[in-house]
Amino acid sequence: MAHPVDVHVGKRIRHRRWLLGMTQQQLAEKVGIKFQQIQKYETGANRVSASRLWDISEALDVPVSFFFEGMDVEAEVAKDQIDSVPADLFGDKEALDLVRSYYSIPENQRRRLFDLARVLSEVA
């Protein structure tokens, strides 16, 4: 069974790759490995070594710490079992497409869209 940290790091790799609109093949080429290895990292099946994580962080243009962000939040969510948020939110293609689209909107319009979504969710 995969270690929860390996699974979390893998999800963060997939999340960032999706936000950039990058394929597994493209990331693999940038890092100098086969795309199958990226698949294994993203599922947590294989651990990412420190040096490989460094290469991936450079390819995805994020600091290494990015891959560990939300570890405490994920643990808290697992404890509380919040029903309104899917456990694997970033594993959901529709959710990732929505987030990617959201960040392609200019910031001032994005803020207004966020406010609208918050109001709609409070009324639902």
PDB file of N, CA and C in Angstrom:
ATOM      1  N   MET A   1       0.848  -1.193   0.000  1.00  0.00           N
ATOM      2  CA  MET A   1       0.000   0.000   0.000  1.00  0.00           C
ATOM      3  C   MET A   1       0.885   1.246   0.000  1.00  0.00           C
ATOM      4  N   ALA A   2       0.474   2.242  -0.780  1.00  0.00           N
ATOM      5  CA  ALA A   2       1.251   3.466  -0.899  1.00  0.00           C
ATOM      6  C   ALA A   2       1.178   4.279   0.388  1.00  0.00           C
ATOM      7  N   HIS A   3       2.274   4.920   0.713  1.00  0.00           N
ATOM      8  CA  HIS A   3       2.333   5.791   1.887  1.00  0.00           C
ATOM      9  C   HIS A   3       1.518   7.054   1.591  1.00  0.00           C
ATOM     10  N   PRO A   4       0.759   7.563   2.567  1.00  0.00           N
ATOM     11  CA  PRO A   4      -0.075   8.756   2.345  1.00  0.00           C
ATOM     12  C   PRO A   4       0.711   9.974   1.848  1.00  0.00           C
ATOM     13  N   VAL A   5       1.949  10.120   2.269  1.00  0.00           N
ATOM     14  CA  VAL A   5       2.753  11.260   1.792  1.00  0.00           C
ATOM     15  C   VAL A   5       3.070  11.094   0.314  1.00  0.00           C
ATOM     16  N   ASP A   6       3.388   9.872  -0.115  1.00  0.00           N
ATOM     17  CA  ASP A   6       3.673   9.626  -1.534  1.00  0.00           C
ATOM     18  C   ASP A   6       2.437   9.898  -2.385  1.00  0.00           C
ATOM     19  N   VAL A   7       1.275   9.515  -1.878  1.00  0.00           N
ATOM     20  CA  VAL A   7       0.018   9.756  -2.588  1.00  0.00           C
ATOM     21  C   VAL A   7      -0.240  11.258  -2.682  1.00  0.00           C
ATOM     22  N   HIS A   8      -0.019  11.977  -1.590  1.00  0.00           N
ATOM     23  CA  HIS A   8      -0.248  13.423  -1.582  1.00  0.00           C
ATOM     24  C   HIS A   8       0.687  14.132  -2.568  1.00  0.00           C
ATOM     25  N   VAL A   9       1.967  13.786  -2.532  1.00  0.00           N
ATOM     26  CA  VAL A   9       2.935  14.395  -3.456  1.00  0.00           C
ATOM     27  C   VAL A   9       2.528  14.098  -4.891  1.00  0.00           C
ATOM     28  N   GLY A  10       2.106  12.875  -5.154  1.00  0.00           N
ATOM     29  CA  GLY A  10       1.666  12.506  -6.498  1.00  0.00           C
ATOM     30  C   GLY A  10       0.472  13.318  -6.958  1.00  0.00           C
ATOM     31  N   LYS A  11      -0.479  13.525  -6.054  1.00  0.00           N
ATOM     32  CA  LYS A  11      -1.650  14.336  -6.389  1.00  0.00           C
ATOM     33  C   LYS A  11      -1.247  15.767  -6.707  1.00  0.00           C
ATOM     34  N   ARG A  12      -0.294  16.275  -5.940  1.00  0.00           N
ATOM     35  CA  ARG A  12       0.159  17.661  -6.177  1.00  0.00           C
ATOM     36  C   ARG A  12       0.892  17.784  -7.509  1.00  0.00           C
ATOM     37  N   ILE A  13       1.645  16.744  -7.882  1.00  0.00           N
ATOM     38  CA  ILE A  13       2.312  16.752  -9.197  1.00  0.00           C
ATOM     39  C   ILE A  13       1.239  16.794 -10.278  1.00  0.00           C
ATOM     40  N   ARG A  14       0.258  15.901 -10.179  1.00  0.00           N
ATOM     41  CA  ARG A  14      -0.820  15.842 -11.175  1.00  0.00           C
ATOM     42  C   ARG A  14      -1.587  17.165 -11.217  1.00  0.00           C
ATOM     43  N   HIS A  15      -1.891  17.699 -10.042  1.00  0.00           N
ATOM     44  CA  HIS A  15      -2.621  18.974  -9.942  1.00  0.00           C
ATOM     45  C   HIS A  15      -1.895  20.082 -10.710  1.00  0.00           C
ATOM     46  N   ARG A  16      -0.619  20.252 -10.416  1.00  0.00           N
ATOM     47  CA  ARG A  16       0.144  21.330 -11.063  1.00  0.00           C
ATOM     48  C   ARG A  16       0.272  21.086 -12.559  1.00  0.00           C
ATOM     49  N   ARG A  17       0.509  19.849 -12.946  1.00  0.00           N
ATOM     50  CA  ARG A  17       0.639  19.506 -14.367  1.00  0.00           C
ATOM     51  C   ARG A  17      -0.647  19.855 -15.097  1.00  0.00           C
ATOM     52  N   TRP A  18      -1.788  19.508 -14.506  1.00  0.00           N
ATOM     53  CA  TRP A  18      -3.082  19.825 -15.101  1.00  0.00           C
ATOM     54  C   TRP A  18      -3.309  21.328 -15.208  1.00  0.00           C
ATOM     55  N   LEU A  19      -2.943  22.054 -14.153  1.00  0.00           N
ATOM     56  CA  LEU A  19      -3.133  23.508 -14.191  1.00  0.00           C
ATOM     57  C   LEU A  19      -2.333  24.154 -15.313  1.00  0.00           C
ATOM     58  N   LEU A  20      -1.187  23.566 -15.607  1.00  0.00           N
ATOM     59  CA  LEU A  20      -0.358  24.088 -16.690  1.00  0.00           C
ATOM     60  C   LEU A  20      -0.793  23.574 -18.059  1.00  0.00           C
ATOM     61  N   GLY A  21      -1.726  22.614 -18.074  1.00  0.00           N
ATOM     62  CA  GLY A  21      -2.167  22.033 -19.332  1.00  0.00           C
ATOM     63  C   GLY A  21      -1.105  21.148 -19.953  1.00  0.00           C
ATOM     64  N   MET A  22      -0.276  20.564 -19.123  1.00  0.00           N
ATOM     65  CA  MET A  22       0.844  19.750 -19.579  1.00  0.00           C
ATOM     66  C   MET A  22       0.466  18.268 -19.520  1.00  0.00           C
ATOM     67  N   THR A  23       0.890  17.503 -20.512  1.00  0.00           N
ATOM     68  CA  THR A  23       0.636  16.062 -20.497  1.00  0.00           C
ATOM     69  C   THR A  23       1.718  15.353 -19.682  1.00  0.00           C
ATOM     70  N   GLN A  24       1.447  14.110 -19.328  1.00  0.00           N
ATOM     71  CA  GLN A  24       2.453  13.316 -18.627  1.00  0.00           C
ATOM     72  C   GLN A  24       3.693  13.169 -19.501  1.00  0.00           C
ATOM     73  N   GLN A  25       3.480  13.003 -20.792  1.00  0.00           N
ATOM     74  CA  GLN A  25       4.601  12.852 -21.727  1.00  0.00           C
ATOM     75  C   GLN A  25       5.473  14.109 -21.738  1.00  0.00           C
ATOM     76  N   GLN A  26       4.842  15.267 -21.774  1.00  0.00           N
ATOM     77  CA  GLN A  26       5.599  16.521 -21.793  1.00  0.00           C
ATOM     78  C   GLN A  26       6.416  16.693 -20.515  1.00  0.00           C
ATOM     79  N   LEU A  27       5.805  16.387 -19.379  1.00  0.00           N
ATOM     80  CA  LEU A  27       6.530  16.491 -18.112  1.00  0.00           C
ATOM     81  C   LEU A  27       7.683  15.502 -18.083  1.00  0.00           C
ATOM     82  N   ALA A  28       7.421  14.293 -18.512  1.00  0.00           N
ATOM     83  CA  ALA A  28       8.457  13.264 -18.526  1.00  0.00           C
ATOM     84  C   ALA A  28       9.648  13.702 -19.380  1.00  0.00           C
ATOM     85  N   GLU A  29       9.378  14.285 -20.528  1.00  0.00           N
ATOM     86  CA  GLU A  29      10.458  14.747 -21.407  1.00  0.00           C
ATOM     87  C   GLU A  29      11.274  15.853 -20.743  1.00  0.00           C
ATOM     88  N   LYS A  30      10.601  16.760 -20.062  1.00  0.00           N
ATOM     89  CA  LYS A  30      11.314  17.840 -19.372  1.00  0.00           C
ATOM     90  C   LYS A  30      12.211  17.313 -18.264  1.00  0.00           C
ATOM     91  N   VAL A  31      11.753  16.234 -17.615  1.00  0.00           N
ATOM     92  CA  VAL A  31      12.492  15.677 -16.482  1.00  0.00           C
ATOM     93  C   VAL A  31      13.514  14.638 -16.944  1.00  0.00           C
ATOM     94  N   GLY A  32      13.301  14.088 -18.154  1.00  0.00           N
ATOM     95  CA  GLY A  32      14.237  13.103 -18.689  1.00  0.00           C
ATOM     96  C   GLY A  32      13.922  11.671 -18.273  1.00  0.00           C
ATOM     97  N   ILE A  33      12.629  11.364 -18.139  1.00  0.00           N
ATOM     98  CA  ILE A  33      12.205  10.013 -17.780  1.00  0.00           C
ATOM     99  C   ILE A  33      11.058   9.596 -18.689  1.00  0.00           C
ATOM    100  N   LYS A  34      10.574   8.391 -18.534  1.00  0.00           N
ATOM    101  CA  LYS A  34       9.445   7.887 -19.320  1.00  0.00           C
ATOM    102  C   LYS A  34       8.131   8.333 -18.672  1.00  0.00           C
ATOM    103  N   PHE A  35       7.100   8.518 -19.502  1.00  0.00           N
ATOM    104  CA  PHE A  35       5.827   8.995 -18.962  1.00  0.00           C
ATOM    105  C   PHE A  35       5.212   7.993 -17.990  1.00  0.00           C
ATOM    106  N   GLN A  36       5.537   6.707 -18.150  1.00  0.00           N
ATOM    107  CA  GLN A  36       5.002   5.708 -17.232  1.00  0.00           C
ATOM    108  C   GLN A  36       5.469   5.977 -15.794  1.00  0.00           C
ATOM    109  N   GLN A  37       6.677   6.511 -15.677  1.00  0.00           N
ATOM    110  CA  GLN A  37       7.194   6.839 -14.346  1.00  0.00           C
ATOM    111  C   GLN A  37       6.394   7.983 -13.733  1.00  0.00           C
ATOM    112  N   ILE A  38       6.031   8.960 -14.563  1.00  0.00           N
ATOM    113  CA  ILE A  38       5.188  10.066 -14.086  1.00  0.00           C
ATOM    114  C   ILE A  38       3.855   9.506 -13.597  1.00  0.00           C
ATOM    115  N   GLN A  39       3.281   8.556 -14.347  1.00  0.00           N
ATOM    116  CA  GLN A  39       2.027   7.922 -13.932  1.00  0.00           C
ATOM    117  C   GLN A  39       2.175   7.292 -12.549  1.00  0.00           C
ATOM    118  N   LYS A  40       3.268   6.589 -12.338  1.00  0.00           N
ATOM    119  CA  LYS A  40       3.500   5.916 -11.062  1.00  0.00           C
ATOM    120  C   LYS A  40       3.688   6.926  -9.930  1.00  0.00           C
ATOM    121  N   TYR A  41       4.365   8.035 -10.213  1.00  0.00           N
ATOM    122  CA  TYR A  41       4.523   9.076  -9.202  1.00  0.00           C
ATOM    123  C   TYR A  41       3.160   9.666  -8.839  1.00  0.00           C
ATOM    124  N   GLU A  42       2.357   9.958  -9.867  1.00  0.00           N
ATOM    125  CA  GLU A  42       1.081  10.634  -9.639  1.00  0.00           C
ATOM    126  C   GLU A  42       0.092   9.776  -8.864  1.00  0.00           C
ATOM    127  N   THR A  43       0.205   8.475  -8.964  1.00  0.00           N
ATOM    128  CA  THR A  43      -0.697   7.594  -8.217  1.00  0.00           C
ATOM    129  C   THR A  43      -0.138   7.248  -6.846  1.00  0.00           C
ATOM    130  N   GLY A  44       1.113   7.592  -6.601  1.00  0.00           N
ATOM    131  CA  GLY A  44       1.745   7.248  -5.336  1.00  0.00           C
ATOM    132  C   GLY A  44       2.300   5.839  -5.335  1.00  0.00           C
ATOM    133  N   ALA A  45       2.236   5.152  -6.479  1.00  0.00           N
ATOM    134  CA  ALA A  45       2.741   3.787  -6.573  1.00  0.00           C
ATOM    135  C   ALA A  45       4.256   3.757  -6.381  1.00  0.00           C
ATOM    136  N   ASN A  46       4.943   4.785  -6.888  1.00  0.00           N
ATOM    137  CA  ASN A  46       6.391   4.915  -6.713  1.00  0.00           C
ATOM    138  C   ASN A  46       6.699   6.196  -5.956  1.00  0.00           C
ATOM    139  N   ARG A  47       7.673   6.112  -5.077  1.00  0.00           N
ATOM    140  CA  ARG A  47       8.125   7.308  -4.359  1.00  0.00           C
ATOM    141  C   ARG A  47       8.992   8.160  -5.268  1.00  0.00           C
ATOM    142  N   VAL A  48       8.920   9.461  -5.042  1.00  0.00           N
ATOM    143  CA  VAL A  48       9.731  10.403  -5.805  1.00  0.00           C
ATOM    144  C   VAL A  48      10.966  10.724  -4.968  1.00  0.00           C
ATOM    145  N   SER A  49      12.141  10.478  -5.530  1.00  0.00           N
ATOM    146  CA  SER A  49      13.364  10.802  -4.795  1.00  0.00           C
ATOM    147  C   SER A  49      13.506  12.318  -4.686  1.00  0.00           C
ATOM    148  N   ALA A  50      14.344  12.754  -3.781  1.00  0.00           N
ATOM    149  CA  ALA A  50      14.547  14.191  -3.566  1.00  0.00           C
ATOM    150  C   ALA A  50      15.056  14.876  -4.829  1.00  0.00           C
ATOM    151  N   SER A  51      16.022  14.253  -5.493  1.00  0.00           N
ATOM    152  CA  SER A  51      16.583  14.869  -6.705  1.00  0.00           C
ATOM    153  C   SER A  51      15.551  14.913  -7.827  1.00  0.00           C
ATOM    154  N   ARG A  52      14.742  13.859  -7.946  1.00  0.00           N
ATOM    155  CA  ARG A  52      13.706  13.841  -8.989  1.00  0.00           C
ATOM    156  C   ARG A  52      12.620  14.858  -8.667  1.00  0.00           C
ATOM    157  N   LEU A  53      12.273  15.015  -7.385  1.00  0.00           N
ATOM    158  CA  LEU A  53      11.280  16.003  -6.998  1.00  0.00           C
ATOM    159  C   LEU A  53      11.780  17.412  -7.322  1.00  0.00           C
ATOM    160  N   TRP A  54      13.067  17.610  -7.145  1.00  0.00           N
ATOM    161  CA  TRP A  54      13.680  18.895  -7.501  1.00  0.00           C
ATOM    162  C   TRP A  54      13.516  19.153  -9.005  1.00  0.00           C
ATOM    163  N   ASP A  55      13.814  18.131  -9.825  1.00  0.00           N
ATOM    164  CA  ASP A  55      13.677  18.268 -11.283  1.00  0.00           C
ATOM    165  C   ASP A  55      12.224  18.548 -11.670  1.00  0.00           C
ATOM    166  N   ILE A  56      11.302  17.837 -11.038  1.00  0.00           N
ATOM    167  CA  ILE A  56       9.882  18.029 -11.336  1.00  0.00           C
ATOM    168  C   ILE A  56       9.438  19.427 -10.926  1.00  0.00           C
ATOM    169  N   SER A  57       9.927  19.906  -9.782  1.00  0.00           N
ATOM    170  CA  SER A  57       9.540  21.255  -9.334  1.00  0.00           C
ATOM    171  C   SER A  57      10.026  22.311 -10.318  1.00  0.00           C
ATOM    172  N   GLU A  58      11.216  22.109 -10.874  1.00  0.00           N
ATOM    173  CA  GLU A  58      11.719  23.058 -11.869  1.00  0.00           C
ATOM    174  C   GLU A  58      10.905  22.981 -13.166  1.00  0.00           C
ATOM    175  N   ALA A  59      10.551  21.763 -13.579  1.00  0.00           N
ATOM    176  CA  ALA A  59       9.763  21.588 -14.798  1.00  0.00           C
ATOM    177  C   ALA A  59       8.364  22.194 -14.660  1.00  0.00           C
ATOM    178  N   LEU A  60       7.816  22.138 -13.455  1.00  0.00           N
ATOM    179  CA  LEU A  60       6.470  22.662 -13.207  1.00  0.00           C
ATOM    180  C   LEU A  60       6.487  24.088 -12.661  1.00  0.00           C
ATOM    181  N   ASP A  61       7.684  24.643 -12.494  1.00  0.00           N
ATOM    182  CA  ASP A  61       7.865  26.032 -12.057  1.00  0.00           C
ATOM    183  C   ASP A  61       7.196  26.321 -10.705  1.00  0.00           C
ATOM    184  N   VAL A  62       7.478  25.439  -9.738  1.00  0.00           N
ATOM    185  CA  VAL A  62       7.006  25.632  -8.362  1.00  0.00           C
ATOM    186  C   VAL A  62       8.139  25.250  -7.415  1.00  0.00           C
ATOM    187  N   PRO A  63       8.120  25.775  -6.190  1.00  0.00           N
ATOM    188  CA  PRO A  63       9.126  25.338  -5.214  1.00  0.00           C
ATOM    189  C   PRO A  63       8.810  23.908  -4.754  1.00  0.00           C
ATOM    190  N   VAL A  64       9.805  23.198  -4.279  1.00  0.00           N
ATOM    191  CA  VAL A  64       9.616  21.828  -3.805  1.00  0.00           C
ATOM    192  C   VAL A  64       8.547  21.786  -2.712  1.00  0.00           C
ATOM    193  N   SER A  65       8.480  22.815  -1.900  1.00  0.00           N
ATOM    194  CA  SER A  65       7.495  22.849  -0.808  1.00  0.00           C
ATOM    195  C   SER A  65       6.055  22.764  -1.315  1.00  0.00           C
ATOM    196  N   PHE A  66       5.828  23.151  -2.570  1.00  0.00           N
ATOM    197  CA  PHE A  66       4.490  23.089  -3.159  1.00  0.00           C
ATOM    198  C   PHE A  66       3.891  21.691  -3.033  1.00  0.00           C
ATOM    199  N   PHE A  67       4.718  20.678  -3.198  1.00  0.00           N
ATOM    200  CA  PHE A  67       4.228  19.304  -3.209  1.00  0.00           C
ATOM    201  C   PHE A  67       3.786  18.813  -1.839  1.00  0.00           C
ATOM    202  N   PHE A  68       4.159  19.545  -0.794  1.00  0.00           N
ATOM    203  CA  PHE A  68       3.791  19.149   0.562  1.00  0.00           C
ATOM    204  C   PHE A  68       2.707  20.042   1.160  1.00  0.00           C
ATOM    205  N   GLU A  69       2.334  21.091   0.431  1.00  0.00           N
ATOM    206  CA  GLU A  69       1.289  21.991   0.909  1.00  0.00           C
ATOM    207  C   GLU A  69      -0.017  21.223   1.053  1.00  0.00           C
ATOM    208  N   GLY A  70      -0.726  21.511   2.124  1.00  0.00           N
ATOM    209  CA  GLY A  70      -2.022  20.894   2.337  1.00  0.00           C
ATOM    210  C   GLY A  70      -1.977  19.550   3.033  1.00  0.00           C
ATOM    211  N   MET A  71      -0.790  19.099   3.414  1.00  0.00           N
ATOM    212  CA  MET A  71      -0.697  17.807   4.108  1.00  0.00           C
ATOM    213  C   MET A  71      -1.516  17.831   5.395  1.00  0.00           C
ATOM    214  N   ASP A  72      -1.401  18.908   6.166  1.00  0.00           N
ATOM    215  CA  ASP A  72      -2.153  18.992   7.410  1.00  0.00           C
ATOM    216  C   ASP A  72      -3.648  19.141   7.141  1.00  0.00           C
ATOM    217  N   VAL A  73      -3.986  19.872   6.092  1.00  0.00           N
ATOM    218  CA  VAL A  73      -5.390  20.045   5.718  1.00  0.00           C
ATOM    219  C   VAL A  73      -5.971  18.709   5.271  1.00  0.00           C
ATOM    220  N   GLU A  74      -5.213  17.975   4.473  1.00  0.00           N
ATOM    221  CA  GLU A  74      -5.691  16.674   3.994  1.00  0.00           C
ATOM    222  C   GLU A  74      -5.930  15.727   5.161  1.00  0.00           C
ATOM    223  N   ALA A  75      -5.057  15.749   6.128  1.00  0.00           N
ATOM    224  CA  ALA A  75      -5.226  14.893   7.304  1.00  0.00           C
ATOM    225  C   ALA A  75      -6.468  15.303   8.091  1.00  0.00           C
ATOM    226  N   GLU A  76      -6.696  16.608   8.202  1.00  0.00           N
ATOM    227  CA  GLU A  76      -7.873  17.098   8.924  1.00  0.00           C
ATOM    228  C   GLU A  76      -9.150  16.728   8.189  1.00  0.00           C
ATOM    229  N   VAL A  77      -9.142  16.847   6.870  1.00  0.00           N
ATOM    230  CA  VAL A  77     -10.312  16.480   6.067  1.00  0.00           C
ATOM    231  C   VAL A  77     -10.607  14.997   6.238  1.00  0.00           C
ATOM    232  N   ALA A  78      -9.574  14.191   6.241  1.00  0.00           N
ATOM    233  CA  ALA A  78      -9.761  12.752   6.416  1.00  0.00           C
ATOM    234  C   ALA A  78     -10.395  12.456   7.776  1.00  0.00           C
ATOM    235  N   LYS A  79     -10.006  13.215   8.794  1.00  0.00           N
ATOM    236  CA  LYS A  79     -10.576  13.016  10.129  1.00  0.00           C
ATOM    237  C   LYS A  79     -12.041  13.401  10.162  1.00  0.00           C
ATOM    238  N   ASP A  80     -12.353  14.526   9.588  1.00  0.00           N
ATOM    239  CA  ASP A  80     -13.709  15.058   9.664  1.00  0.00           C
ATOM    240  C   ASP A  80     -14.664  14.466   8.627  1.00  0.00           C
ATOM    241  N   GLN A  81     -14.126  13.886   7.554  1.00  0.00           N
ATOM    242  CA  GLN A  81     -14.940  13.314   6.478  1.00  0.00           C
ATOM    243  C   GLN A  81     -15.984  14.311   5.995  1.00  0.00           C
ATOM    244  N   ILE A  82     -15.523  15.439   5.492  1.00  0.00           N
ATOM    245  CA  ILE A  82     -16.433  16.456   4.976  1.00  0.00           C
ATOM    246  C   ILE A  82     -17.115  15.912   3.724  1.00  0.00           C
ATOM    247  N   ASP A  83     -18.435  15.794   3.768  1.00  0.00           N
ATOM    248  CA  ASP A  83     -19.185  15.184   2.680  1.00  0.00           C
ATOM    249  C   ASP A  83     -19.330  16.101   1.469  1.00  0.00           C
ATOM    250  N   SER A  84     -19.274  17.399   1.660  1.00  0.00           N
ATOM    251  CA  SER A  84     -19.520  18.324   0.559  1.00  0.00           C
ATOM    252  C   SER A  84     -18.337  18.452  -0.390  1.00  0.00           C
ATOM    253  N   VAL A  85     -17.165  17.959  -0.001  1.00  0.00           N
ATOM    254  CA  VAL A  85     -15.975  18.055  -0.849  1.00  0.00           C
ATOM    255  C   VAL A  85     -15.477  16.647  -1.140  1.00  0.00           C
ATOM    256  N   PRO A  86     -15.347  16.278  -2.432  1.00  0.00           N
ATOM    257  CA  PRO A  86     -14.832  14.947  -2.752  1.00  0.00           C
ATOM    258  C   PRO A  86     -13.437  14.748  -2.158  1.00  0.00           C
ATOM    259  N   ALA A  87     -13.149  13.545  -1.696  1.00  0.00           N
ATOM    260  CA  ALA A  87     -11.859  13.247  -1.068  1.00  0.00           C
ATOM    261  C   ALA A  87     -10.712  13.459  -2.047  1.00  0.00           C
ATOM    262  N   ASP A  88     -10.942  13.167  -3.321  1.00  0.00           N
ATOM    263  CA  ASP A  88      -9.878  13.297  -4.315  1.00  0.00           C
ATOM    264  C   ASP A  88     -10.242  14.402  -5.303  1.00  0.00           C
ATOM    265  N   LEU A  89     -10.418  15.596  -4.781  1.00  0.00           N
ATOM    266  CA  LEU A  89     -10.857  16.725  -5.600  1.00  0.00           C
ATOM    267  C   LEU A  89      -9.959  16.940  -6.809  1.00  0.00           C
ATOM    268  N   PHE A  90      -8.642  16.852  -6.617  1.00  0.00           N
ATOM    269  CA  PHE A  90      -7.733  17.107  -7.723  1.00  0.00           C
ATOM    270  C   PHE A  90      -7.561  15.893  -8.623  1.00  0.00           C
ATOM    271  N   GLY A  91      -8.206  14.807  -8.288  1.00  0.00           N
ATOM    272  CA  GLY A  91      -8.217  13.641  -9.161  1.00  0.00           C
ATOM    273  C   GLY A  91      -9.405  13.694 -10.113  1.00  0.00           C
ATOM    274  N   ASP A  92     -10.288  14.652  -9.905  1.00  0.00           N
ATOM    275  CA  ASP A  92     -11.492  14.813 -10.706  1.00  0.00           C
ATOM    276  C   ASP A  92     -11.181  15.729 -11.888  1.00  0.00           C
ATOM    277  N   LYS A  93     -11.267  15.176 -13.121  1.00  0.00           N
ATOM    278  CA  LYS A  93     -10.912  15.942 -14.314  1.00  0.00           C
ATOM    279  C   LYS A  93     -11.767  17.202 -14.451  1.00  0.00           C
ATOM    280  N   GLU A  94     -13.062  17.091 -14.164  1.00  0.00           N
ATOM    281  CA  GLU A  94     -13.947  18.246 -14.278  1.00  0.00           C
ATOM    282  C   GLU A  94     -13.534  19.354 -13.313  1.00  0.00           C
ATOM    283  N   ALA A  95     -13.185  18.976 -12.088  1.00  0.00           N
ATOM    284  CA  ALA A  95     -12.758  19.969 -11.101  1.00  0.00           C
ATOM    285  C   ALA A  95     -11.467  20.647 -11.548  1.00  0.00           C
ATOM    286  N   LEU A  96     -10.534  19.869 -12.079  1.00  0.00           N
ATOM    287  CA  LEU A  96      -9.275  20.451 -12.535  1.00  0.00           C
ATOM    288  C   LEU A  96      -9.481  21.364 -13.736  1.00  0.00           C
ATOM    289  N   ASP A  97     -10.378  20.970 -14.656  1.00  0.00           N
ATOM    290  CA  ASP A  97     -10.689  21.836 -15.798  1.00  0.00           C
ATOM    291  C   ASP A  97     -11.305  23.150 -15.320  1.00  0.00           C
ATOM    292  N   LEU A  98     -12.161  23.050 -14.302  1.00  0.00           N
ATOM    293  CA  LEU A  98     -12.781  24.252 -13.744  1.00  0.00           C
ATOM    294  C   LEU A  98     -11.737  25.166 -13.116  1.00  0.00           C
ATOM    295  N   VAL A  99     -10.820  24.592 -12.357  1.00  0.00           N
ATOM    296  CA  VAL A  99      -9.769  25.392 -11.719  1.00  0.00           C
ATOM    297  C   VAL A  99      -8.871  26.027 -12.779  1.00  0.00           C
ATOM    298  N   ARG A 100      -8.503  25.260 -13.801  1.00  0.00           N
ATOM    299  CA  ARG A 100      -7.658  25.808 -14.874  1.00  0.00           C
ATOM    300  C   ARG A 100      -8.363  26.966 -15.571  1.00  0.00           C
ATOM    301  N   SER A 101      -9.651  26.800 -15.856  1.00  0.00           N
ATOM    302  CA  SER A 101     -10.422  27.869 -16.494  1.00  0.00           C
ATOM    303  C   SER A 101     -10.515  29.089 -15.588  1.00  0.00           C
ATOM    304  N   TYR A 102     -10.740  28.838 -14.310  1.00  0.00           N
ATOM    305  CA  TYR A 102     -10.839  29.919 -13.323  1.00  0.00           C
ATOM    306  C   TYR A 102      -9.570  30.773 -13.328  1.00  0.00           C
ATOM    307  N   TYR A 103      -8.408  30.140 -13.335  1.00  0.00           N
ATOM    308  CA  TYR A 103      -7.162  30.894 -13.280  1.00  0.00           C
ATOM    309  C   TYR A 103      -6.789  31.536 -14.613  1.00  0.00           C
ATOM    310  N   SER A 104      -7.519  31.205 -15.677  1.00  0.00           N
ATOM    311  CA  SER A 104      -7.251  31.878 -16.949  1.00  0.00           C
ATOM    312  C   SER A 104      -8.047  33.177 -17.074  1.00  0.00           C
ATOM    313  N   ILE A 105      -8.962  33.406 -16.133  1.00  0.00           N
ATOM    314  CA  ILE A 105      -9.762  34.636 -16.107  1.00  0.00           C
ATOM    315  C   ILE A 105      -8.931  35.741 -15.455  1.00  0.00           C
ATOM    316  N   PRO A 106      -8.991  36.972 -16.001  1.00  0.00           N
ATOM    317  CA  PRO A 106      -8.267  38.080 -15.366  1.00  0.00           C
ATOM    318  C   PRO A 106      -8.641  38.222 -13.895  1.00  0.00           C
ATOM    319  N   GLU A 107      -7.689  38.645 -13.083  1.00  0.00           N
ATOM    320  CA  GLU A 107      -7.842  38.632 -11.624  1.00  0.00           C
ATOM    321  C   GLU A 107      -9.064  39.396 -11.120  1.00  0.00           C
ATOM    322  N   ASN A 108      -9.327  40.572 -11.638  1.00  0.00           N
ATOM    323  CA  ASN A 108     -10.462  41.342 -11.133  1.00  0.00           C
ATOM    324  C   ASN A 108     -11.789  40.647 -11.442  1.00  0.00           C
ATOM    325  N   GLN A 109     -11.914  40.040 -12.610  1.00  0.00           N
ATOM    326  CA  GLN A 109     -13.125  39.287 -12.958  1.00  0.00           C
ATOM    327  C   GLN A 109     -13.198  37.981 -12.167  1.00  0.00           C
ATOM    328  N   ARG A 110     -12.036  37.378 -11.937  1.00  0.00           N
ATOM    329  CA  ARG A 110     -11.969  36.134 -11.176  1.00  0.00           C
ATOM    330  C   ARG A 110     -12.498  36.353  -9.761  1.00  0.00           C
ATOM    331  N   ARG A 111     -12.145  37.476  -9.160  1.00  0.00           N
ATOM    332  CA  ARG A 111     -12.604  37.784  -7.804  1.00  0.00           C
ATOM    333  C   ARG A 111     -14.120  37.913  -7.767  1.00  0.00           C
ATOM    334  N   ARG A 112     -14.679  38.566  -8.789  1.00  0.00           N
ATOM    335  CA  ARG A 112     -16.136  38.725  -8.850  1.00  0.00           C
ATOM    336  C   ARG A 112     -16.819  37.381  -9.048  1.00  0.00           C
ATOM    337  N   LEU A 113     -16.224  36.516  -9.857  1.00  0.00           N
ATOM    338  CA  LEU A 113     -16.772  35.175 -10.060  1.00  0.00           C
ATOM    339  C   LEU A 113     -16.726  34.378  -8.757  1.00  0.00           C
ATOM    340  N   PHE A 114     -15.633  34.518  -8.030  1.00  0.00           N
ATOM    341  CA  PHE A 114     -15.488  33.831  -6.742  1.00  0.00           C
ATOM    342  C   PHE A 114     -16.572  34.289  -5.771  1.00  0.00           C
ATOM    343  N   ASP A 115     -16.791  35.603  -5.703  1.00  0.00           N
ATOM    344  CA  ASP A 115     -17.828  36.150  -4.811  1.00  0.00           C
ATOM    345  C   ASP A 115     -19.216  35.615  -5.199  1.00  0.00           C
ATOM    346  N   LEU A 116     -19.479  35.548  -6.495  1.00  0.00           N
ATOM    347  CA  LEU A 116     -20.759  35.015  -6.976  1.00  0.00           C
ATOM    348  C   LEU A 116     -20.918  33.547  -6.565  1.00  0.00           C
ATOM    349  N   ALA A 117     -19.877  32.762  -6.763  1.00  0.00           N
ATOM    350  CA  ALA A 117     -19.922  31.334  -6.389  1.00  0.00           C
ATOM    351  C   ALA A 117     -20.161  31.151  -4.890  1.00  0.00           C
ATOM    352  N   ARG A 118     -19.527  31.974  -4.105  1.00  0.00           N
ATOM    353  CA  ARG A 118     -19.695  31.891  -2.641  1.00  0.00           C
ATOM    354  C   ARG A 118     -21.143  32.204  -2.262  1.00  0.00           C
ATOM    355  N   VAL A 119     -21.725  33.244  -2.851  1.00  0.00           N
ATOM    356  CA  VAL A 119     -23.114  33.612  -2.557  1.00  0.00           C
ATOM    357  C   VAL A 119     -24.039  32.486  -2.986  1.00  0.00           C
ATOM    358  N   LEU A 120     -23.816  31.932  -4.168  1.00  0.00           N
ATOM    359  CA  LEU A 120     -24.677  30.848  -4.652  1.00  0.00           C
ATOM    360  C   LEU A 120     -24.579  29.612  -3.768  1.00  0.00           C
ATOM    361  N   SER A 121     -23.390  29.310  -3.269  1.00  0.00           N
ATOM    362  CA  SER A 121     -23.231  28.131  -2.420  1.00  0.00           C
ATOM    363  C   SER A 121     -23.884  28.329  -1.050  1.00  0.00           C
ATOM    364  N   GLU A 122     -23.953  29.558  -0.591  1.00  0.00           N
ATOM    365  CA  GLU A 122     -24.580  29.842   0.697  1.00  0.00           C
ATOM    366  C   GLU A 122     -26.115  29.741   0.594  1.00  0.00           C
ATOM    367  N   VAL A 123     -26.652  30.038  -0.578  1.00  0.00           N
ATOM    368  CA  VAL A 123     -28.100  29.997  -0.756  1.00  0.00           C
ATOM    369  C   VAL A 123     -28.571  28.576  -1.050  1.00  0.00           C
ATOM    370  N   ALA A 124     -27.682  27.746  -1.558  1.00  0.00           N
ATOM    371  CA  ALA A 124     -28.075  26.372  -1.944  1.00  0.00           C
ATOM    372  C   ALA A 124     -28.377  25.504  -0.750  1.00  0.00           C
TER     373      ALA A 124
END
